[in-house]
Amino acid sequence: MTEVCARLELPWQAPKLNPNTHMHWAARGRHTRFVREQTGWIAKAAKIAPTLPFTVTLHYRPARNGRRDPGNLCLDSKASIDGLVDAGLAPDDTAEFIRETIPVIHPAERGRPGALWLEITWEA
């Protein structure tokens, strides 16, 4: 079997959610809903149909280098995966259907803004 990969570019330049931030619950809810809805629409527009189970990895390239913890991207990753479920790529976000990996942080690239994207891989 061969492995197929789809890349979904997310339109924001930095993570929207962080478990270390003391954000008001309503603001956190708005950010979560934004990430989930946008990811769902991006997945629908991409018209991908991965076979189950598939693997999802969130990637982040910051605008500037510095010390960052991949675990702090877990809330963005979770909301994005929920958006994939909303888009119909899987019936649920359990390990039976979606395998989530630890987010990957790439080094900053001079002159380029920050970027986030999802990589979805599955067996063809």
PDB file of N, CA and C in Angstrom:
ATOM      1  N   MET A   1       0.834  -1.190   0.000  1.00  0.00           N
ATOM      2  CA  MET A   1       0.000   0.000   0.000  1.00  0.00           C
ATOM      3  C   MET A   1       0.874   1.246   0.000  1.00  0.00           C
ATOM      4  N   THR A   2       0.354   2.276  -0.602  1.00  0.00           N
ATOM      5  CA  THR A   2       1.076   3.534  -0.646  1.00  0.00           C
ATOM      6  C   THR A   2       0.430   4.540   0.294  1.00  0.00           C
ATOM      7  N   GLU A   3       1.239   5.452   0.765  1.00  0.00           N
ATOM      8  CA  GLU A   3       0.745   6.475   1.685  1.00  0.00           C
ATOM      9  C   GLU A   3       0.433   7.748   0.900  1.00  0.00           C
ATOM     10  N   VAL A   4      -0.732   8.303   1.146  1.00  0.00           N
ATOM     11  CA  VAL A   4      -1.176   9.526   0.496  1.00  0.00           C
ATOM     12  C   VAL A   4      -1.160  10.636   1.539  1.00  0.00           C
ATOM     13  N   CYS A   5      -0.785  11.845   1.124  1.00  0.00           N
ATOM     14  CA  CYS A   5      -0.719  12.966   2.054  1.00  0.00           C
ATOM     15  C   CYS A   5      -1.427  14.176   1.459  1.00  0.00           C
ATOM     16  N   ALA A   6      -2.232  14.821   2.261  1.00  0.00           N
ATOM     17  CA  ALA A   6      -2.878  16.076   1.880  1.00  0.00           C
ATOM     18  C   ALA A   6      -2.414  17.149   2.856  1.00  0.00           C
ATOM     19  N   ARG A   7      -2.204  18.338   2.333  1.00  0.00           N
ATOM     20  CA  ARG A   7      -1.773  19.459   3.171  1.00  0.00           C
ATOM     21  C   ARG A   7      -2.862  20.526   3.118  1.00  0.00           C
ATOM     22  N   LEU A   8      -3.356  20.894   4.289  1.00  0.00           N
ATOM     23  CA  LEU A   8      -4.377  21.929   4.396  1.00  0.00           C
ATOM     24  C   LEU A   8      -3.758  23.154   5.047  1.00  0.00           C
ATOM     25  N   GLU A   9      -3.627  24.237   4.282  1.00  0.00           N
ATOM     26  CA  GLU A   9      -3.057  25.481   4.792  1.00  0.00           C
ATOM     27  C   GLU A   9      -4.119  26.190   5.632  1.00  0.00           C
ATOM     28  N   LEU A  10      -3.788  26.548   6.851  1.00  0.00           N
ATOM     29  CA  LEU A  10      -4.698  27.285   7.717  1.00  0.00           C
ATOM     30  C   LEU A  10      -4.422  28.778   7.541  1.00  0.00           C
ATOM     31  N   PRO A  11      -5.462  29.615   7.502  1.00  0.00           N
ATOM     32  CA  PRO A  11      -5.272  31.014   7.125  1.00  0.00           C
ATOM     33  C   PRO A  11      -4.768  31.951   8.221  1.00  0.00           C
ATOM     34  N   TRP A  12      -4.444  31.458   9.394  1.00  0.00           N
ATOM     35  CA  TRP A  12      -3.912  32.341  10.430  1.00  0.00           C
ATOM     36  C   TRP A  12      -2.431  32.033  10.620  1.00  0.00           C
ATOM     37  N   GLN A  13      -1.682  33.024  11.132  1.00  0.00           N
ATOM     38  CA  GLN A  13      -0.226  32.930  11.174  1.00  0.00           C
ATOM     39  C   GLN A  13       0.350  32.421  12.491  1.00  0.00           C
ATOM     40  N   ALA A  14      -0.483  32.313  13.511  1.00  0.00           N
ATOM     41  CA  ALA A  14      -0.012  31.851  14.819  1.00  0.00           C
ATOM     42  C   ALA A  14      -1.150  31.079  15.484  1.00  0.00           C
ATOM     43  N   PRO A  15      -0.808  30.210  16.417  1.00  0.00           N
ATOM     44  CA  PRO A  15      -1.859  29.468  17.122  1.00  0.00           C
ATOM     45  C   PRO A  15      -2.859  30.409  17.787  1.00  0.00           C
ATOM     46  N   LYS A  16      -4.110  30.015  17.782  1.00  0.00           N
ATOM     47  CA  LYS A  16      -5.175  30.822  18.385  1.00  0.00           C
ATOM     48  C   LYS A  16      -5.382  30.475  19.858  1.00  0.00           C
ATOM     49  N   LEU A  17      -4.993  29.265  20.257  1.00  0.00           N
ATOM     50  CA  LEU A  17      -5.278  28.768  21.607  1.00  0.00           C
ATOM     51  C   LEU A  17      -3.999  28.316  22.279  1.00  0.00           C
ATOM     52  N   ASN A  18      -3.929  28.480  23.584  1.00  0.00           N
ATOM     53  CA  ASN A  18      -2.761  28.045  24.344  1.00  0.00           C
ATOM     54  C   ASN A  18      -3.230  27.670  25.747  1.00  0.00           C
ATOM     55  N   PRO A  19      -2.923  26.450  26.200  1.00  0.00           N
ATOM     56  CA  PRO A  19      -3.375  26.044  27.532  1.00  0.00           C
ATOM     57  C   PRO A  19      -2.740  26.851  28.666  1.00  0.00           C
ATOM     58  N   ASN A  20      -1.648  27.558  28.390  1.00  0.00           N
ATOM     59  CA  ASN A  20      -0.985  28.354  29.430  1.00  0.00           C
ATOM     60  C   ASN A  20      -1.533  29.771  29.535  1.00  0.00           C
ATOM     61  N   THR A  21      -2.384  30.169  28.597  1.00  0.00           N
ATOM     62  CA  THR A  21      -2.942  31.517  28.597  1.00  0.00           C
ATOM     63  C   THR A  21      -4.186  31.555  29.468  1.00  0.00           C
ATOM     64  N   HIS A  22      -4.297  32.575  30.275  1.00  0.00           N
ATOM     65  CA  HIS A  22      -5.474  32.741  31.117  1.00  0.00           C
ATOM     66  C   HIS A  22      -6.495  33.573  30.351  1.00  0.00           C
ATOM     67  N   MET A  23      -7.181  32.897  29.445  1.00  0.00           N
ATOM     68  CA  MET A  23      -8.156  33.546  28.586  1.00  0.00           C
ATOM     69  C   MET A  23      -9.550  33.342  29.171  1.00  0.00           C
ATOM     70  N   HIS A  24     -10.393  34.344  29.058  1.00  0.00           N
ATOM     71  CA  HIS A  24     -11.774  34.235  29.507  1.00  0.00           C
ATOM     72  C   HIS A  24     -12.437  33.083  28.750  1.00  0.00           C
ATOM     73  N   TRP A  25     -13.311  32.344  29.430  1.00  0.00           N
ATOM     74  CA  TRP A  25     -13.918  31.153  28.828  1.00  0.00           C
ATOM     75  C   TRP A  25     -14.698  31.495  27.554  1.00  0.00           C
ATOM     76  N   ALA A  26     -15.316  32.646  27.483  1.00  0.00           N
ATOM     77  CA  ALA A  26     -16.079  33.021  26.288  1.00  0.00           C
ATOM     78  C   ALA A  26     -15.145  33.318  25.110  1.00  0.00           C
ATOM     79  N   ALA A  27     -14.036  33.987  25.391  1.00  0.00           N
ATOM     80  CA  ALA A  27     -13.054  34.271  24.341  1.00  0.00           C
ATOM     81  C   ALA A  27     -12.432  32.976  23.838  1.00  0.00           C
ATOM     82  N   ARG A  28     -12.122  32.067  24.764  1.00  0.00           N
ATOM     83  CA  ARG A  28     -11.561  30.776  24.364  1.00  0.00           C
ATOM     84  C   ARG A  28     -12.557  30.032  23.488  1.00  0.00           C
ATOM     85  N   GLY A  29     -13.823  30.104  23.845  1.00  0.00           N
ATOM     86  CA  GLY A  29     -14.866  29.454  23.047  1.00  0.00           C
ATOM     87  C   GLY A  29     -14.957  30.031  21.642  1.00  0.00           C
ATOM     88  N   ARG A  30     -14.844  31.364  21.517  1.00  0.00           N
ATOM     89  CA  ARG A  30     -14.872  32.000  20.194  1.00  0.00           C
ATOM     90  C   ARG A  30     -13.691  31.555  19.353  1.00  0.00           C
ATOM     91  N   HIS A  31     -12.504  31.516  19.956  1.00  0.00           N
ATOM     92  CA  HIS A  31     -11.309  31.079  19.225  1.00  0.00           C
ATOM     93  C   HIS A  31     -11.436  29.609  18.808  1.00  0.00           C
ATOM     94  N   THR A  32     -11.919  28.775  19.713  1.00  0.00           N
ATOM     95  CA  THR A  32     -12.093  27.355  19.394  1.00  0.00           C
ATOM     96  C   THR A  32     -13.078  27.185  18.242  1.00  0.00           C
ATOM     97  N   ARG A  33     -14.200  27.881  18.318  1.00  0.00           N
ATOM     98  CA  ARG A  33     -15.212  27.797  17.261  1.00  0.00           C
ATOM     99  C   ARG A  33     -14.649  28.282  15.922  1.00  0.00           C
ATOM    100  N   PHE A  34     -13.861  29.366  15.953  1.00  0.00           N
ATOM    101  CA  PHE A  34     -13.239  29.889  14.735  1.00  0.00           C
ATOM    102  C   PHE A  34     -12.331  28.843  14.092  1.00  0.00           C
ATOM    103  N   VAL A  35     -11.423  28.265  14.879  1.00  0.00           N
ATOM    104  CA  VAL A  35     -10.486  27.269  14.347  1.00  0.00           C
ATOM    105  C   VAL A  35     -11.250  26.072  13.793  1.00  0.00           C
ATOM    106  N   ARG A  36     -12.229  25.599  14.539  1.00  0.00           N
ATOM    107  CA  ARG A  36     -13.009  24.429  14.129  1.00  0.00           C
ATOM    108  C   ARG A  36     -13.778  24.695  12.823  1.00  0.00           C
ATOM    109  N   GLU A  37     -14.473  25.834  12.759  1.00  0.00           N
ATOM    110  CA  GLU A  37     -15.257  26.151  11.564  1.00  0.00           C
ATOM    111  C   GLU A  37     -14.372  26.372  10.346  1.00  0.00           C
ATOM    112  N   GLN A  38     -13.305  27.142  10.505  1.00  0.00           N
ATOM    113  CA  GLN A  38     -12.425  27.420   9.370  1.00  0.00           C
ATOM    114  C   GLN A  38     -11.767  26.149   8.836  1.00  0.00           C
ATOM    115  N   THR A  39     -11.307  25.294   9.750  1.00  0.00           N
ATOM    116  CA  THR A  39     -10.689  24.045   9.326  1.00  0.00           C
ATOM    117  C   THR A  39     -11.701  23.181   8.583  1.00  0.00           C
ATOM    118  N   GLY A  40     -12.930  23.140   9.065  1.00  0.00           N
ATOM    119  CA  GLY A  40     -13.969  22.370   8.392  1.00  0.00           C
ATOM    120  C   GLY A  40     -14.215  22.859   6.977  1.00  0.00           C
ATOM    121  N   TRP A  41     -14.318  24.179   6.791  1.00  0.00           N
ATOM    122  CA  TRP A  41     -14.537  24.735   5.454  1.00  0.00           C
ATOM    123  C   TRP A  41     -13.338  24.486   4.545  1.00  0.00           C
ATOM    124  N   ILE A  42     -12.129  24.607   5.083  1.00  0.00           N
ATOM    125  CA  ILE A  42     -10.922  24.357   4.280  1.00  0.00           C
ATOM    126  C   ILE A  42     -10.881  22.894   3.836  1.00  0.00           C
ATOM    127  N   ALA A  43     -11.240  21.983   4.730  1.00  0.00           N
ATOM    128  CA  ALA A  43     -11.249  20.553   4.392  1.00  0.00           C
ATOM    129  C   ALA A  43     -12.305  20.258   3.330  1.00  0.00           C
ATOM    130  N   LYS A  44     -13.477  20.857   3.447  1.00  0.00           N
ATOM    131  CA  LYS A  44     -14.517  20.655   2.429  1.00  0.00           C
ATOM    132  C   LYS A  44     -14.059  21.175   1.074  1.00  0.00           C
ATOM    133  N   ALA A  45     -13.439  22.352   1.072  1.00  0.00           N
ATOM    134  CA  ALA A  45     -12.974  22.947  -0.182  1.00  0.00           C
ATOM    135  C   ALA A  45     -11.877  22.105  -0.833  1.00  0.00           C
ATOM    136  N   ALA A  46     -11.072  21.421  -0.019  1.00  0.00           N
ATOM    137  CA  ALA A  46      -9.984  20.597  -0.551  1.00  0.00           C
ATOM    138  C   ALA A  46     -10.502  19.330  -1.224  1.00  0.00           C
ATOM    139  N   LYS A  47     -11.717  18.938  -0.908  1.00  0.00           N
ATOM    140  CA  LYS A  47     -12.359  17.756  -1.512  1.00  0.00           C
ATOM    141  C   LYS A  47     -11.497  16.501  -1.405  1.00  0.00           C
ATOM    142  N   ILE A  48     -10.939  16.298  -0.220  1.00  0.00           N
ATOM    143  CA  ILE A  48     -10.174  15.071   0.008  1.00  0.00           C
ATOM    144  C   ILE A  48     -11.094  14.033   0.640  1.00  0.00           C
ATOM    145  N   ALA A  49     -10.788  12.789   0.405  1.00  0.00           N
ATOM    146  CA  ALA A  49     -11.582  11.692   0.968  1.00  0.00           C
ATOM    147  C   ALA A  49     -10.628  10.625   1.489  1.00  0.00           C
ATOM    148  N   PRO A  50     -10.014  10.883   2.647  1.00  0.00           N
ATOM    149  CA  PRO A  50      -9.057   9.900   3.171  1.00  0.00           C
ATOM    150  C   PRO A  50      -9.753   8.627   3.624  1.00  0.00           C
ATOM    151  N   THR A  51      -9.031   7.517   3.487  1.00  0.00           N
ATOM    152  CA  THR A  51      -9.551   6.270   4.027  1.00  0.00           C
ATOM    153  C   THR A  51      -9.297   6.253   5.523  1.00  0.00           C
ATOM    154  N   LEU A  52     -10.124   5.553   6.240  1.00  0.00           N
ATOM    155  CA  LEU A  52     -10.002   5.473   7.696  1.00  0.00           C
ATOM    156  C   LEU A  52      -9.173   4.267   8.087  1.00  0.00           C
ATOM    157  N   PRO A  53      -8.390   4.372   9.131  1.00  0.00           N
ATOM    158  CA  PRO A  53      -8.073   5.564   9.903  1.00  0.00           C
ATOM    159  C   PRO A  53      -7.037   6.417   9.166  1.00  0.00           C
ATOM    160  N   PHE A  54      -6.991   7.695   9.498  1.00  0.00           N
ATOM    161  CA  PHE A  54      -5.972   8.566   8.939  1.00  0.00           C
ATOM    162  C   PHE A  54      -5.254   9.289  10.073  1.00  0.00           C
ATOM    163  N   THR A  55      -4.087   9.828   9.751  1.00  0.00           N
ATOM    164  CA  THR A  55      -3.241  10.499  10.735  1.00  0.00           C
ATOM    165  C   THR A  55      -3.226  11.999  10.454  1.00  0.00           C
ATOM    166  N   VAL A  56      -3.342  12.791  11.516  1.00  0.00           N
ATOM    167  CA  VAL A  56      -3.338  14.249  11.395  1.00  0.00           C
ATOM    168  C   VAL A  56      -2.178  14.815  12.212  1.00  0.00           C
ATOM    169  N   THR A  57      -1.406  15.701  11.581  1.00  0.00           N
ATOM    170  CA  THR A  57      -0.315  16.390  12.261  1.00  0.00           C
ATOM    171  C   THR A  57      -0.447  17.885  12.003  1.00  0.00           C
ATOM    172  N   LEU A  58      -0.453  18.674  13.072  1.00  0.00           N
ATOM    173  CA  LEU A  58      -0.458  20.128  12.952  1.00  0.00           C
ATOM    174  C   LEU A  58       0.989  20.599  12.877  1.00  0.00           C
ATOM    175  N   HIS A  59       1.278  21.466  11.899  1.00  0.00           N
ATOM    176  CA  HIS A  59       2.611  22.030  11.730  1.00  0.00           C
ATOM    177  C   HIS A  59       2.535  23.540  11.950  1.00  0.00           C
ATOM    178  N   TYR A  60       3.575  24.071  12.569  1.00  0.00           N
ATOM    179  CA  TYR A  60       3.641  25.517  12.841  1.00  0.00           C
ATOM    180  C   TYR A  60       5.035  26.023  12.531  1.00  0.00           C
ATOM    181  N   ARG A  61       5.087  27.049  11.671  1.00  0.00           N
ATOM    182  CA  ARG A  61       6.338  27.758  11.413  1.00  0.00           C
ATOM    183  C   ARG A  61       6.144  29.175  11.933  1.00  0.00           C
ATOM    184  N   PRO A  62       6.766  29.522  13.078  1.00  0.00           N
ATOM    185  CA  PRO A  62       6.580  30.861  13.647  1.00  0.00           C
ATOM    186  C   PRO A  62       7.269  31.924  12.797  1.00  0.00           C
ATOM    187  N   ALA A  63       6.877  33.160  13.029  1.00  0.00           N
ATOM    188  CA  ALA A  63       7.499  34.282  12.321  1.00  0.00           C
ATOM    189  C   ALA A  63       8.917  34.541  12.830  1.00  0.00           C
ATOM    190  N   ARG A  64       9.142  34.244  14.124  1.00  0.00           N
ATOM    191  CA  ARG A  64      10.452  34.446  14.731  1.00  0.00           C
ATOM    192  C   ARG A  64      10.853  33.187  15.494  1.00  0.00           C
ATOM    193  N   ASN A  65      12.138  32.925  15.545  1.00  0.00           N
ATOM    194  CA  ASN A  65      12.620  31.786  16.326  1.00  0.00           C
ATOM    195  C   ASN A  65      12.557  32.104  17.815  1.00  0.00           C
ATOM    196  N   GLY A  66      12.445  31.103  18.594  1.00  0.00           N
ATOM    197  CA  GLY A  66      12.385  31.226  20.040  1.00  0.00           C
ATOM    198  C   GLY A  66      12.049  29.867  20.624  1.00  0.00           C
ATOM    199  N   ARG A  67      11.985  29.798  21.912  1.00  0.00           N
ATOM    200  CA  ARG A  67      11.665  28.534  22.577  1.00  0.00           C
ATOM    201  C   ARG A  67      10.150  28.332  22.558  1.00  0.00           C
ATOM    202  N   ARG A  68       9.732  27.203  22.039  1.00  0.00           N
ATOM    203  CA  ARG A  68       8.309  26.885  21.968  1.00  0.00           C
ATOM    204  C   ARG A  68       8.108  25.427  22.320  1.00  0.00           C
ATOM    205  N   ASP A  69       6.979  25.159  22.936  1.00  0.00           N
ATOM    206  CA  ASP A  69       6.622  23.820  23.381  1.00  0.00           C
ATOM    207  C   ASP A  69       5.535  23.267  22.456  1.00  0.00           C
ATOM    208  N   PRO A  70       5.793  22.151  21.759  1.00  0.00           N
ATOM    209  CA  PRO A  70       4.784  21.591  20.867  1.00  0.00           C
ATOM    210  C   PRO A  70       3.464  21.264  21.587  1.00  0.00           C
ATOM    211  N   GLY A  71       3.535  20.949  22.857  1.00  0.00           N
ATOM    212  CA  GLY A  71       2.326  20.643  23.613  1.00  0.00           C
ATOM    213  C   GLY A  71       1.373  21.819  23.719  1.00  0.00           C
ATOM    214  N   ASN A  72       1.911  23.042  23.584  1.00  0.00           N
ATOM    215  CA  ASN A  72       1.050  24.218  23.651  1.00  0.00           C
ATOM    216  C   ASN A  72       0.170  24.373  22.415  1.00  0.00           C
ATOM    217  N   LEU A  73       0.421  23.572  21.398  1.00  0.00           N
ATOM    218  CA  LEU A  73      -0.405  23.601  20.201  1.00  0.00           C
ATOM    219  C   LEU A  73      -1.556  22.596  20.267  1.00  0.00           C
ATOM    220  N   CYS A  74      -1.686  21.888  21.386  1.00  0.00           N
ATOM    221  CA  CYS A  74      -2.667  20.802  21.479  1.00  0.00           C
ATOM    222  C   CYS A  74      -4.105  21.292  21.325  1.00  0.00           C
ATOM    223  N   LEU A  75      -4.436  22.480  21.825  1.00  0.00           N
ATOM    224  CA  LEU A  75      -5.802  22.968  21.708  1.00  0.00           C
ATOM    225  C   LEU A  75      -6.134  23.346  20.269  1.00  0.00           C
ATOM    226  N   ASP A  76      -5.182  23.928  19.544  1.00  0.00           N
ATOM    227  CA  ASP A  76      -5.398  24.211  18.131  1.00  0.00           C
ATOM    228  C   ASP A  76      -5.549  22.913  17.347  1.00  0.00           C
ATOM    229  N   SER A  77      -4.733  21.927  17.678  1.00  0.00           N
ATOM    230  CA  SER A  77      -4.806  20.632  17.008  1.00  0.00           C
ATOM    231  C   SER A  77      -6.162  19.984  17.246  1.00  0.00           C
ATOM    232  N   LYS A  78      -6.630  19.993  18.484  1.00  0.00           N
ATOM    233  CA  LYS A  78      -7.920  19.396  18.830  1.00  0.00           C
ATOM    234  C   LYS A  78      -9.061  20.082  18.095  1.00  0.00           C
ATOM    235  N   ALA A  79      -9.079  21.409  18.101  1.00  0.00           N
ATOM    236  CA  ALA A  79     -10.139  22.140  17.414  1.00  0.00           C
ATOM    237  C   ALA A  79     -10.105  21.878  15.906  1.00  0.00           C
ATOM    238  N   SER A  80      -8.906  21.763  15.338  1.00  0.00           N
ATOM    239  CA  SER A  80      -8.779  21.471  13.910  1.00  0.00           C
ATOM    240  C   SER A  80      -9.309  20.077  13.581  1.00  0.00           C
ATOM    241  N   ILE A  81      -8.990  19.128  14.420  1.00  0.00           N
ATOM    242  CA  ILE A  81      -9.483  17.759  14.195  1.00  0.00           C
ATOM    243  C   ILE A  81     -10.999  17.719  14.310  1.00  0.00           C
ATOM    244  N   ASP A  82     -11.552  18.449  15.260  1.00  0.00           N
ATOM    245  CA  ASP A  82     -13.010  18.535  15.358  1.00  0.00           C
ATOM    246  C   ASP A  82     -13.593  19.122  14.075  1.00  0.00           C
ATOM    247  N   GLY A  83     -12.901  20.077  13.472  1.00  0.00           N
ATOM    248  CA  GLY A  83     -13.345  20.645  12.204  1.00  0.00           C
ATOM    249  C   GLY A  83     -13.324  19.629  11.075  1.00  0.00           C
ATOM    250  N   LEU A  84     -12.331  18.734  11.086  1.00  0.00           N
ATOM    251  CA  LEU A  84     -12.282  17.676  10.077  1.00  0.00           C
ATOM    252  C   LEU A  84     -13.467  16.730  10.224  1.00  0.00           C
ATOM    253  N   VAL A  85     -13.836  16.437  11.467  1.00  0.00           N
ATOM    254  CA  VAL A  85     -15.013  15.600  11.721  1.00  0.00           C
ATOM    255  C   VAL A  85     -16.267  16.336  11.248  1.00  0.00           C
ATOM    256  N   ASP A  86     -16.369  17.619  11.553  1.00  0.00           N
ATOM    257  CA  ASP A  86     -17.514  18.425  11.105  1.00  0.00           C
ATOM    258  C   ASP A  86     -17.624  18.415   9.579  1.00  0.00           C
ATOM    259  N   ALA A  87     -16.490  18.371   8.888  1.00  0.00           N
ATOM    260  CA  ALA A  87     -16.471  18.370   7.427  1.00  0.00           C
ATOM    261  C   ALA A  87     -16.816  17.009   6.848  1.00  0.00           C
ATOM    262  N   GLY A  88     -16.936  15.994   7.702  1.00  0.00           N
ATOM    263  CA  GLY A  88     -17.327  14.668   7.241  1.00  0.00           C
ATOM    264  C   GLY A  88     -16.187  13.748   6.862  1.00  0.00           C
ATOM    265  N   LEU A  89     -14.951  14.097   7.233  1.00  0.00           N
ATOM    266  CA  LEU A  89     -13.829  13.232   6.893  1.00  0.00           C
ATOM    267  C   LEU A  89     -13.791  11.969   7.742  1.00  0.00           C
ATOM    268  N   ALA A  90     -14.387  12.024   8.923  1.00  0.00           N
ATOM    269  CA  ALA A  90     -14.464  10.870   9.826  1.00  0.00           C
ATOM    270  C   ALA A  90     -15.744  11.002  10.646  1.00  0.00           C
ATOM    271  N   PRO A  91     -16.312   9.871  11.099  1.00  0.00           N
ATOM    272  CA  PRO A  91     -17.533   9.949  11.901  1.00  0.00           C
ATOM    273  C   PRO A  91     -17.304  10.451  13.319  1.00  0.00           C
ATOM    274  N   ASP A  92     -16.076  10.334  13.818  1.00  0.00           N
ATOM    275  CA  ASP A  92     -15.762  10.746  15.186  1.00  0.00           C
ATOM    276  C   ASP A  92     -14.262  10.977  15.270  1.00  0.00           C
ATOM    277  N   ASP A  93     -13.817  11.649  16.344  1.00  0.00           N
ATOM    278  CA  ASP A  93     -12.386  11.917  16.486  1.00  0.00           C
ATOM    279  C   ASP A  93     -11.697  10.935  17.421  1.00  0.00           C
ATOM    280  N   THR A  94     -12.260   9.754  17.556  1.00  0.00           N
ATOM    281  CA  THR A  94     -11.629   8.728  18.392  1.00  0.00           C
ATOM    282  C   THR A  94     -10.462   8.094  17.646  1.00  0.00           C
ATOM    283  N   ALA A  95      -9.604   7.399  18.372  1.00  0.00           N
ATOM    284  CA  ALA A  95      -8.413   6.773  17.792  1.00  0.00           C
ATOM    285  C   ALA A  95      -8.764   5.708  16.762  1.00  0.00           C
ATOM    286  N   GLU A  96      -9.977   5.242  16.783  1.00  0.00           N
ATOM    287  CA  GLU A  96     -10.425   4.261  15.789  1.00  0.00           C
ATOM    288  C   GLU A  96     -10.418   4.864  14.381  1.00  0.00           C
ATOM    289  N   PHE A  97     -10.665   6.169  14.288  1.00  0.00           N
ATOM    290  CA  PHE A  97     -10.782   6.835  12.997  1.00  0.00           C
ATOM    291  C   PHE A  97      -9.660   7.814  12.698  1.00  0.00           C
ATOM    292  N   ILE A  98      -9.185   8.532  13.727  1.00  0.00           N
ATOM    293  CA  ILE A  98      -8.175   9.566  13.527  1.00  0.00           C
ATOM    294  C   ILE A  98      -7.022   9.350  14.500  1.00  0.00           C
ATOM    295  N   ARG A  99      -5.822   9.316  13.950  1.00  0.00           N
ATOM    296  CA  ARG A  99      -4.617   9.215  14.776  1.00  0.00           C
ATOM    297  C   ARG A  99      -3.963  10.592  14.807  1.00  0.00           C
ATOM    298  N   GLU A 100      -3.895  11.151  15.994  1.00  0.00           N
ATOM    299  CA  GLU A 100      -3.310  12.478  16.165  1.00  0.00           C
ATOM    300  C   GLU A 100      -1.865  12.335  16.625  1.00  0.00           C
ATOM    301  N   THR A 101      -0.986  13.104  15.996  1.00  0.00           N
ATOM    302  CA  THR A 101       0.418  13.084  16.404  1.00  0.00           C
ATOM    303  C   THR A 101       0.743  14.385  17.133  1.00  0.00           C
ATOM    304  N   ILE A 102       1.894  14.408  17.754  1.00  0.00           N
ATOM    305  CA  ILE A 102       2.350  15.622  18.444  1.00  0.00           C
ATOM    306  C   ILE A 102       2.610  16.694  17.390  1.00  0.00           C
ATOM    307  N   PRO A 103       2.146  17.921  17.605  1.00  0.00           N
ATOM    308  CA  PRO A 103       2.404  18.989  16.638  1.00  0.00           C
ATOM    309  C   PRO A 103       3.902  19.189  16.398  1.00  0.00           C
ATOM    310  N   VAL A 104       4.225  19.650  15.192  1.00  0.00           N
ATOM    311  CA  VAL A 104       5.605  19.872  14.787  1.00  0.00           C
ATOM    312  C   VAL A 104       5.839  21.375  14.664  1.00  0.00           C
ATOM    313  N   ILE A 105       6.913  21.855  15.283  1.00  0.00           N
ATOM    314  CA  ILE A 105       7.289  23.266  15.177  1.00  0.00           C
ATOM    315  C   ILE A 105       8.542  23.357  14.305  1.00  0.00           C
ATOM    316  N   HIS A 106       8.439  24.103  13.232  1.00  0.00           N
ATOM    317  CA  HIS A 106       9.533  24.282  12.290  1.00  0.00           C
ATOM    318  C   HIS A 106      10.281  25.572  12.619  1.00  0.00           C
ATOM    319  N   PRO A 107      11.524  25.693  12.205  1.00  0.00           N
ATOM    320  CA  PRO A 107      12.242  26.947  12.445  1.00  0.00           C
ATOM    321  C   PRO A 107      11.656  28.082  11.601  1.00  0.00           C
ATOM    322  N   ALA A 108      11.753  29.289  12.103  1.00  0.00           N
ATOM    323  CA  ALA A 108      11.298  30.464  11.361  1.00  0.00           C
ATOM    324  C   ALA A 108      12.164  30.630  10.121  1.00  0.00           C
ATOM    325  N   GLU A 109      11.567  31.239   9.106  1.00  0.00           N
ATOM    326  CA  GLU A 109      12.299  31.521   7.870  1.00  0.00           C
ATOM    327  C   GLU A 109      12.313  33.034   7.665  1.00  0.00           C
ATOM    328  N   ARG A 110      13.490  33.575   7.533  1.00  0.00           N
ATOM    329  CA  ARG A 110      13.665  35.028   7.421  1.00  0.00           C
ATOM    330  C   ARG A 110      12.792  35.598   6.306  1.00  0.00           C
ATOM    331  N   GLY A 111      12.046  36.647   6.653  1.00  0.00           N
ATOM    332  CA  GLY A 111      11.213  37.332   5.676  1.00  0.00           C
ATOM    333  C   GLY A 111       9.869  36.682   5.406  1.00  0.00           C
ATOM    334  N   ARG A 112       9.592  35.551   6.034  1.00  0.00           N
ATOM    335  CA  ARG A 112       8.315  34.882   5.822  1.00  0.00           C
ATOM    336  C   ARG A 112       7.474  34.978   7.082  1.00  0.00           C
ATOM    337  N   PRO A 113       6.172  35.183   6.923  1.00  0.00           N
ATOM    338  CA  PRO A 113       5.302  35.251   8.102  1.00  0.00           C
ATOM    339  C   PRO A 113       5.108  33.866   8.696  1.00  0.00           C
ATOM    340  N   GLY A 114       4.550  33.831   9.886  1.00  0.00           N
ATOM    341  CA  GLY A 114       4.230  32.551  10.491  1.00  0.00           C
ATOM    342  C   GLY A 114       3.187  31.817   9.673  1.00  0.00           C
ATOM    343  N   ALA A 115       3.108  30.501   9.864  1.00  0.00           N
ATOM    344  CA  ALA A 115       2.150  29.696   9.115  1.00  0.00           C
ATOM    345  C   ALA A 115       1.780  28.450   9.918  1.00  0.00           C
ATOM    346  N   LEU A 116       0.542  28.020   9.742  1.00  0.00           N
ATOM    347  CA  LEU A 116       0.068  26.765  10.315  1.00  0.00           C
ATOM    348  C   LEU A 116      -0.562  25.944   9.198  1.00  0.00           C
ATOM    349  N   TRP A 117      -0.361  24.647   9.246  1.00  0.00           N
ATOM    350  CA  TRP A 117      -0.995  23.769   8.280  1.00  0.00           C
ATOM    351  C   TRP A 117      -1.181  22.388   8.908  1.00  0.00           C
ATOM    352  N   LEU A 118      -2.115  21.651   8.323  1.00  0.00           N
ATOM    353  CA  LEU A 118      -2.375  20.276   8.742  1.00  0.00           C
ATOM    354  C   LEU A 118      -1.883  19.341   7.655  1.00  0.00           C
ATOM    355  N   GLU A 119      -1.253  18.256   8.072  1.00  0.00           N
ATOM    356  CA  GLU A 119      -0.923  17.180   7.130  1.00  0.00           C
ATOM    357  C   GLU A 119      -1.796  15.997   7.509  1.00  0.00           C
ATOM    358  N   ILE A 120      -2.500  15.472   6.527  1.00  0.00           N
ATOM    359  CA  ILE A 120      -3.365  14.309   6.714  1.00  0.00           C
ATOM    360  C   ILE A 120      -2.799  13.198   5.853  1.00  0.00           C
ATOM    361  N   THR A 121      -2.468  12.073   6.471  1.00  0.00           N
ATOM    362  CA  THR A 121      -1.919  10.944   5.733  1.00  0.00           C
ATOM    363  C   THR A 121      -2.793   9.720   5.937  1.00  0.00           C
ATOM    364  N   TRP A 122      -2.870   8.898   4.891  1.00  0.00           N
ATOM    365  CA  TRP A 122      -3.651   7.667   4.953  1.00  0.00           C
ATOM    366  C   TRP A 122      -3.119   6.684   3.934  1.00  0.00           C
ATOM    367  N   GLU A 123      -3.505   5.444   4.093  1.00  0.00           N
ATOM    368  CA  GLU A 123      -3.101   4.378   3.181  1.00  0.00           C
ATOM    369  C   GLU A 123      -4.050   4.343   1.994  1.00  0.00           C
ATOM    370  N   ALA A 124      -3.491   4.267   0.793  1.00  0.00           N
ATOM    371  CA  ALA A 124      -4.322   4.210  -0.421  1.00  0.00           C
ATOM    372  C   ALA A 124      -4.549   2.772  -0.836  1.00  0.00           C
TER     373      ALA A 124
END
